[in-house]
Amino acid sequence: LTDRNSLQANNDVFRTKLNDFEEAMRIIQNPDMQVVKLDATGNKKGNLATVYWNTKTKDVYIIPTKLAPAPADRQYQLWAIVDGKPVDAGVFGGCNGLCKMKNIPRAQAFAVTLEKEGGSQAPTLTDMFVLGNV
């Protein structure tokens, strides 16, 4: 009975992961998605992320492909650059694969900075890890 319960629990975990993966694939394969590759900036070589921006619904998702885990008291924050000004698109960390962010009506670029936990009102430009034009 213990073995059966353990197997059932493992099955439930894998089923949840599979459902999450299938949902992520459905989202990124949507033809309305614009893919924005975010490359490393300055001395932040090796970092990489991808933003998926739905041009109809304005939903934004990010896959932090190669971002090191943030320190305990910090979080990554996504910024949309709109008319040359940064707009908060939300903080992320700990999401498995695809992270849902704030809706962004329009943007010319996206960037990721490392900020204090909970986010910041303005980006810390010296801690910008990746940037990509739309």
C-alpha atoms as a PDB file:
ATOM      1  CA  LEU A   1       0.000   0.000   0.000  1.00  0.00           C
ATOM      2  CA  THR A   2       2.871   2.364   0.822  1.00  0.00           C
ATOM      3  CA  ASP A   3       4.555   1.609  -2.509  1.00  0.00           C
ATOM      4  CA  ARG A   4       1.291   2.139  -4.370  1.00  0.00           C
ATOM      5  CA  ASN A   5       0.701   5.485  -2.641  1.00  0.00           C
ATOM      6  CA  SER A   6       4.263   6.552  -3.416  1.00  0.00           C
ATOM      7  CA  LEU A   7       3.844   5.620  -7.083  1.00  0.00           C
ATOM      8  CA  GLN A   8       0.544   7.500  -7.224  1.00  0.00           C
ATOM      9  CA  ALA A   9       2.152  10.602  -5.711  1.00  0.00           C
ATOM     10  CA  ASN A  10       5.015  10.437  -8.234  1.00  0.00           C
ATOM     11  CA  ASN A  11       2.503   9.953 -11.041  1.00  0.00           C
ATOM     12  CA  ASP A  12       0.590  13.045  -9.898  1.00  0.00           C
ATOM     13  CA  VAL A  13       3.799  15.111  -9.874  1.00  0.00           C
ATOM     14  CA  PHE A  14       4.750  13.990 -13.385  1.00  0.00           C
ATOM     15  CA  ARG A  15       1.214  14.558 -14.644  1.00  0.00           C
ATOM     16  CA  THR A  16       1.290  18.135 -13.336  1.00  0.00           C
ATOM     17  CA  LYS A  17       4.682  18.745 -14.980  1.00  0.00           C
ATOM     18  CA  LEU A  18       3.416  17.304 -18.262  1.00  0.00           C
ATOM     19  CA  ASN A  19       0.297  19.494 -18.152  1.00  0.00           C
ATOM     20  CA  ASP A  20       2.470  22.572 -17.465  1.00  0.00           C
ATOM     21  CA  PHE A  21       4.759  21.672 -20.366  1.00  0.00           C
ATOM     22  CA  GLU A  22       1.837  21.125 -22.745  1.00  0.00           C
ATOM     23  CA  GLU A  23       0.322  24.489 -21.737  1.00  0.00           C
ATOM     24  CA  ALA A  24       3.673  26.244 -22.275  1.00  0.00           C
ATOM     25  CA  MET A  25       4.018  24.669 -25.727  1.00  0.00           C
ATOM     26  CA  ARG A  26       0.479  25.749 -26.645  1.00  0.00           C
ATOM     27  CA  ILE A  27       1.295  29.316 -25.576  1.00  0.00           C
ATOM     28  CA  ILE A  28       4.601  29.687 -27.413  1.00  0.00           C
ATOM     29  CA  GLN A  29       3.341  28.011 -30.588  1.00  0.00           C
ATOM     30  CA  ASN A  30       0.483  30.494 -30.897  1.00  0.00           C
ATOM     31  CA  PRO A  31       0.887  32.302 -34.257  1.00  0.00           C
ATOM     32  CA  ASP A  32       0.083  35.612 -32.511  1.00  0.00           C
ATOM     33  CA  MET A  33       3.257  35.310 -30.407  1.00  0.00           C
ATOM     34  CA  GLN A  34       6.163  37.547 -31.245  1.00  0.00           C
ATOM     35  CA  VAL A  35       9.466  36.043 -30.091  1.00  0.00           C
ATOM     36  CA  VAL A  36      12.013  38.481 -28.663  1.00  0.00           C
ATOM     37  CA  LYS A  37      15.473  37.081 -27.967  1.00  0.00           C
ATOM     38  CA  LEU A  38      17.223  38.841 -25.060  1.00  0.00           C
ATOM     39  CA  ASP A  39      21.014  38.684 -25.278  1.00  0.00           C
ATOM     40  CA  ALA A  40      23.627  39.380 -22.614  1.00  0.00           C
ATOM     41  CA  THR A  41      24.656  42.982 -21.977  1.00  0.00           C
ATOM     42  CA  GLY A  42      28.072  44.381 -21.106  1.00  0.00           C
ATOM     43  CA  ASN A  43      29.935  42.168 -18.654  1.00  0.00           C
ATOM     44  CA  LYS A  44      26.954  39.802 -18.208  1.00  0.00           C
ATOM     45  CA  LYS A  45      28.189  37.410 -20.918  1.00  0.00           C
ATOM     46  CA  GLY A  46      26.546  34.011 -21.149  1.00  0.00           C
ATOM     47  CA  ASN A  47      23.104  35.193 -20.017  1.00  0.00           C
ATOM     48  CA  LEU A  48      20.109  34.605 -22.253  1.00  0.00           C
ATOM     49  CA  ALA A  49      16.329  34.845 -22.046  1.00  0.00           C
ATOM     50  CA  THR A  50      13.404  34.795 -24.461  1.00  0.00           C
ATOM     51  CA  VAL A  51      10.223  36.871 -24.268  1.00  0.00           C
ATOM     52  CA  TYR A  52       7.003  35.695 -25.915  1.00  0.00           C
ATOM     53  CA  TRP A  53       4.648  38.630 -26.500  1.00  0.00           C
ATOM     54  CA  ASN A  54       1.135  38.009 -27.788  1.00  0.00           C
ATOM     55  CA  THR A  55       0.455  40.790 -30.294  1.00  0.00           C
ATOM     56  CA  LYS A  56      -3.328  40.463 -29.878  1.00  0.00           C
ATOM     57  CA  THR A  57      -3.900  39.876 -26.156  1.00  0.00           C
ATOM     58  CA  LYS A  58      -0.667  41.686 -25.072  1.00  0.00           C
ATOM     59  CA  ASP A  59       0.161  38.777 -22.720  1.00  0.00           C
ATOM     60  CA  VAL A  60       3.870  38.529 -21.959  1.00  0.00           C
ATOM     61  CA  TYR A  61       5.837  35.428 -20.976  1.00  0.00           C
ATOM     62  CA  ILE A  62       9.536  34.930 -20.377  1.00  0.00           C
ATOM     63  CA  ILE A  63      11.762  31.883 -20.413  1.00  0.00           C
ATOM     64  CA  PRO A  64      14.898  32.676 -18.386  1.00  0.00           C
ATOM     65  CA  THR A  65      17.015  30.336 -20.511  1.00  0.00           C
ATOM     66  CA  LYS A  66      20.417  31.133 -19.018  1.00  0.00           C
ATOM     67  CA  LEU A  67      20.044  33.373 -15.997  1.00  0.00           C
ATOM     68  CA  ALA A  68      21.907  32.354 -12.858  1.00  0.00           C
ATOM     69  CA  PRO A  69      19.738  31.806  -9.785  1.00  0.00           C
ATOM     70  CA  ALA A  70      19.124  35.138  -8.056  1.00  0.00           C
ATOM     71  CA  PRO A  71      20.555  35.662  -4.555  1.00  0.00           C
ATOM     72  CA  ALA A  72      18.071  35.114  -1.700  1.00  0.00           C
ATOM     73  CA  ASP A  73      17.300  38.828  -1.260  1.00  0.00           C
ATOM     74  CA  ARG A  74      17.026  39.688  -4.978  1.00  0.00           C
ATOM     75  CA  GLN A  75      14.741  38.942  -7.933  1.00  0.00           C
ATOM     76  CA  TYR A  76      14.920  39.344 -11.667  1.00  0.00           C
ATOM     77  CA  GLN A  77      12.613  41.994 -13.085  1.00  0.00           C
ATOM     78  CA  LEU A  78      11.423  42.283 -16.680  1.00  0.00           C
ATOM     79  CA  TRP A  79      11.137  45.736 -18.223  1.00  0.00           C
ATOM     80  CA  ALA A  80       9.392  46.795 -21.413  1.00  0.00           C
ATOM     81  CA  ILE A  81      11.052  49.769 -23.074  1.00  0.00           C
ATOM     82  CA  VAL A  82       8.255  52.038 -24.307  1.00  0.00           C
ATOM     83  CA  ASP A  83       9.178  55.268 -26.091  1.00  0.00           C
ATOM     84  CA  GLY A  84      12.637  55.060 -24.507  1.00  0.00           C
ATOM     85  CA  LYS A  85      11.301  54.669 -20.956  1.00  0.00           C
ATOM     86  CA  PRO A  86      11.295  51.484 -18.835  1.00  0.00           C
ATOM     87  CA  VAL A  87       7.904  50.053 -17.842  1.00  0.00           C
ATOM     88  CA  ASP A  88       7.696  47.371 -15.132  1.00  0.00           C
ATOM     89  CA  ALA A  89       6.596  44.050 -16.611  1.00  0.00           C
ATOM     90  CA  GLY A  90       6.905  42.139 -13.333  1.00  0.00           C
ATOM     91  CA  VAL A  91       9.362  40.125 -11.273  1.00  0.00           C
ATOM     92  CA  PHE A  92      10.092  36.455 -11.726  1.00  0.00           C
ATOM     93  CA  GLY A  93      12.024  33.595 -10.244  1.00  0.00           C
ATOM     94  CA  GLY A  94      11.317  30.045  -9.316  1.00  0.00           C
ATOM     95  CA  CYS A  95       8.932  29.427 -12.183  1.00  0.00           C
ATOM     96  CA  ASN A  96       9.513  26.270 -14.144  1.00  0.00           C
ATOM     97  CA  GLY A  97      10.193  27.262 -17.731  1.00  0.00           C
ATOM     98  CA  LEU A  98       7.604  29.765 -18.904  1.00  0.00           C
ATOM     99  CA  CYS A  99       6.886  32.677 -16.524  1.00  0.00           C
ATOM    100  CA  LYS A 100       3.687  34.744 -16.976  1.00  0.00           C
ATOM    101  CA  MET A 101       4.398  38.462 -16.702  1.00  0.00           C
ATOM    102  CA  LYS A 102       2.282  41.645 -16.801  1.00  0.00           C
ATOM    103  CA  ASN A 103       0.430  42.570 -19.993  1.00  0.00           C
ATOM    104  CA  ILE A 104       2.292  45.126 -22.087  1.00  0.00           C
ATOM    105  CA  PRO A 105       0.296  47.037 -24.752  1.00  0.00           C
ATOM    106  CA  ARG A 106       3.351  48.150 -26.731  1.00  0.00           C
ATOM    107  CA  ALA A 107       7.127  48.064 -26.498  1.00  0.00           C
ATOM    108  CA  GLN A 108      10.225  48.633 -28.580  1.00  0.00           C
ATOM    109  CA  ALA A 109      12.452  46.373 -26.436  1.00  0.00           C
ATOM    110  CA  PHE A 110      12.559  44.187 -23.335  1.00  0.00           C
ATOM    111  CA  ALA A 111      15.278  43.975 -20.680  1.00  0.00           C
ATOM    112  CA  VAL A 112      15.928  42.041 -17.462  1.00  0.00           C
ATOM    113  CA  THR A 113      17.613  43.503 -14.383  1.00  0.00           C
ATOM    114  CA  LEU A 114      18.416  42.066 -10.978  1.00  0.00           C
ATOM    115  CA  GLU A 115      16.560  44.047  -8.299  1.00  0.00           C
ATOM    116  CA  LYS A 116      15.768  43.854  -4.608  1.00  0.00           C
ATOM    117  CA  GLU A 117      13.132  41.260  -3.749  1.00  0.00           C
ATOM    118  CA  GLY A 118       9.702  42.496  -4.791  1.00  0.00           C
ATOM    119  CA  GLY A 119      11.021  44.620  -7.638  1.00  0.00           C
ATOM    120  CA  SER A 120      11.921  48.237  -8.154  1.00  0.00           C
ATOM    121  CA  GLN A 121      10.247  51.401  -9.447  1.00  0.00           C
ATOM    122  CA  ALA A 122      13.156  51.998 -11.835  1.00  0.00           C
ATOM    123  CA  PRO A 123      15.680  49.567 -13.314  1.00  0.00           C
ATOM    124  CA  THR A 124      19.191  49.267 -11.895  1.00  0.00           C
ATOM    125  CA  LEU A 125      21.053  49.690 -15.176  1.00  0.00           C
ATOM    126  CA  THR A 126      24.345  48.387 -13.766  1.00  0.00           C
ATOM    127  CA  ASP A 127      22.525  45.109 -13.035  1.00  0.00           C
ATOM    128  CA  MET A 128      20.977  44.708 -16.490  1.00  0.00           C
ATOM    129  CA  PHE A 129      21.595  41.134 -17.610  1.00  0.00           C
ATOM    130  CA  VAL A 130      19.836  40.837 -20.982  1.00  0.00           C
ATOM    131  CA  LEU A 131      18.250  43.133 -23.571  1.00  0.00           C
ATOM    132  CA  GLY A 132      16.451  42.564 -26.864  1.00  0.00           C
ATOM    133  CA  ASN A 133      14.679  44.713 -29.453  1.00  0.00           C
ATOM    134  CA  VAL A 134      11.164  43.865 -30.578  1.00  0.00           C
END
